[in-house]
Amino acid sequence: MRKVIGVITARMASTRLPGKVLQKMAGKSVFAHHAERMNHVKGLDGVFLATSIDPLNKELIEEAKRLNCGWYAGAEQDIVDRHIKLCERERADAVIRVTCDSP
């Protein structure tokens, strides 16, 4: 059986609106809305945050933990590498990628 994971790509270092993924929208963070929606997708074997090692992302990682969402922090400017390493770690065969900055 194939293992499929959902990956939410997010980080706190936005140039136009820093921290936008933790901004509140209808009482929850934008990230929380994405994670909850992803948890309703049938056929996923887990939902994960893919972020960077920048210390600014600590609060975002804490939000992922609070939501029982797995996480991986990797290279700041290499999104593809973050996804590859996360998939390798989780032994995933496929990934559904969602960005977190477009609710």
Protein backbone atom coordinates (compact mmCIF):
# COMPACT_ATOMS: atom_id res chain seq x y z
CA MET A 1 0.00 0.00 0.00
CA ARG A 2 1.29 3.45 -0.91
CA LYS A 3 1.92 5.97 1.85
CA VAL A 4 0.68 9.46 0.98
CA ILE A 5 1.33 12.45 3.21
CA GLY A 6 0.04 16.00 3.15
CA VAL A 7 2.69 18.71 3.48
CA ILE A 8 1.93 22.31 4.37
CA THR A 9 4.80 24.58 3.33
CA ALA A 10 5.08 27.59 5.63
CA ARG A 11 7.55 29.89 7.33
CA MET A 12 7.38 33.08 9.36
CA ALA A 13 9.81 35.25 7.36
CA SER A 14 7.46 36.86 4.86
CA THR A 15 8.80 40.11 3.45
CA ARG A 16 5.39 41.71 2.95
CA LEU A 17 3.60 40.43 6.08
CA PRO A 18 5.90 38.69 8.56
CA GLY A 19 4.18 35.98 10.57
CA LYS A 20 1.15 35.86 8.30
CA VAL A 21 0.70 32.09 8.70
CA LEU A 22 -0.03 32.61 12.41
CA GLN A 23 -2.35 35.58 11.86
CA LYS A 24 -5.83 34.92 13.20
CA MET A 25 -8.67 34.35 10.77
CA ALA A 26 -12.09 33.53 12.23
CA GLY A 27 -10.47 32.83 15.61
CA LYS A 28 -7.76 30.43 14.39
CA SER A 29 -4.36 30.83 12.80
CA VAL A 30 -4.15 30.54 9.03
CA PHE A 31 -1.93 27.48 9.59
CA ALA A 32 -4.59 25.88 11.85
CA HIS A 33 -7.22 26.30 9.13
CA HIS A 34 -4.93 24.59 6.60
CA ALA A 35 -4.01 21.75 8.97
CA GLU A 36 -7.65 21.08 9.86
CA ARG A 37 -8.66 21.02 6.19
CA MET A 38 -5.80 18.67 5.34
CA ASN A 39 -6.84 16.33 8.16
CA HIS A 40 -10.17 15.86 6.36
CA VAL A 41 -8.56 14.71 3.10
CA LYS A 42 -9.27 11.02 2.62
CA GLY A 43 -6.32 8.81 1.87
CA LEU A 44 -3.67 10.84 3.66
CA ASP A 45 -1.41 9.00 6.08
CA GLY A 46 -0.45 12.14 7.98
CA VAL A 47 -0.23 15.91 7.75
CA PHE A 48 3.10 17.69 8.20
CA LEU A 49 4.55 21.19 8.33
CA ALA A 50 7.62 21.75 6.15
CA THR A 51 9.42 24.86 7.37
CA SER A 52 12.95 26.19 7.57
CA ILE A 53 15.56 26.10 10.33
CA ASP A 54 15.23 29.87 10.85
CA PRO A 55 14.65 30.48 14.61
CA LEU A 56 11.68 32.69 13.68
CA ASN A 57 9.78 29.47 12.89
CA LYS A 58 9.84 28.20 16.49
CA GLU A 59 6.35 29.57 17.19
CA LEU A 60 5.04 27.99 13.97
CA ILE A 61 6.52 24.62 14.95
CA GLU A 62 4.83 24.95 18.37
CA GLU A 63 1.51 25.59 16.60
CA ALA A 64 2.04 22.45 14.50
CA LYS A 65 2.73 20.42 17.65
CA ARG A 66 -0.37 21.86 19.34
CA LEU A 67 -2.43 20.68 16.37
CA ASN A 68 -0.83 17.18 16.43
CA CYS A 69 0.76 17.93 13.09
CA GLY A 70 4.19 16.49 12.33
CA TRP A 71 6.92 18.85 11.21
CA TYR A 72 10.28 19.10 9.50
CA ALA A 73 12.68 22.07 9.45
CA GLY A 74 15.25 22.27 6.68
CA ALA A 75 17.09 24.67 4.40
CA GLU A 76 15.69 28.21 4.31
CA GLN A 77 15.78 28.65 0.53
CA ASP A 78 15.40 25.02 -0.64
CA ILE A 79 11.74 24.03 -0.44
CA VAL A 80 12.23 20.97 -2.65
CA ASP A 81 14.94 19.62 -0.34
CA ARG A 82 12.64 20.08 2.67
CA HIS A 83 9.99 17.99 0.97
CA ILE A 84 12.43 15.30 -0.16
CA LYS A 85 13.94 14.94 3.32
CA LEU A 86 10.50 14.86 4.96
CA CYS A 87 9.29 12.20 2.52
CA GLU A 88 12.42 10.14 3.12
CA ARG A 89 12.06 10.43 6.89
CA GLU A 90 8.40 9.41 6.76
CA ARG A 91 9.00 6.79 4.04
CA ALA A 92 6.26 8.39 1.95
CA ASP A 93 5.61 7.29 -1.62
CA ALA A 94 3.72 10.45 -2.56
CA VAL A 95 3.04 13.91 -1.22
CA ILE A 96 0.21 16.40 -1.56
CA ARG A 97 1.75 19.85 -1.15
CA VAL A 98 -0.20 22.88 0.06
CA THR A 99 1.18 26.35 0.63
CA CYS A 100 -0.01 28.13 3.74
CA ASP A 101 0.02 31.73 2.58
CA SER A 102 -3.09 31.64 0.37
CA PRO A 103 -6.12 30.87 2.49
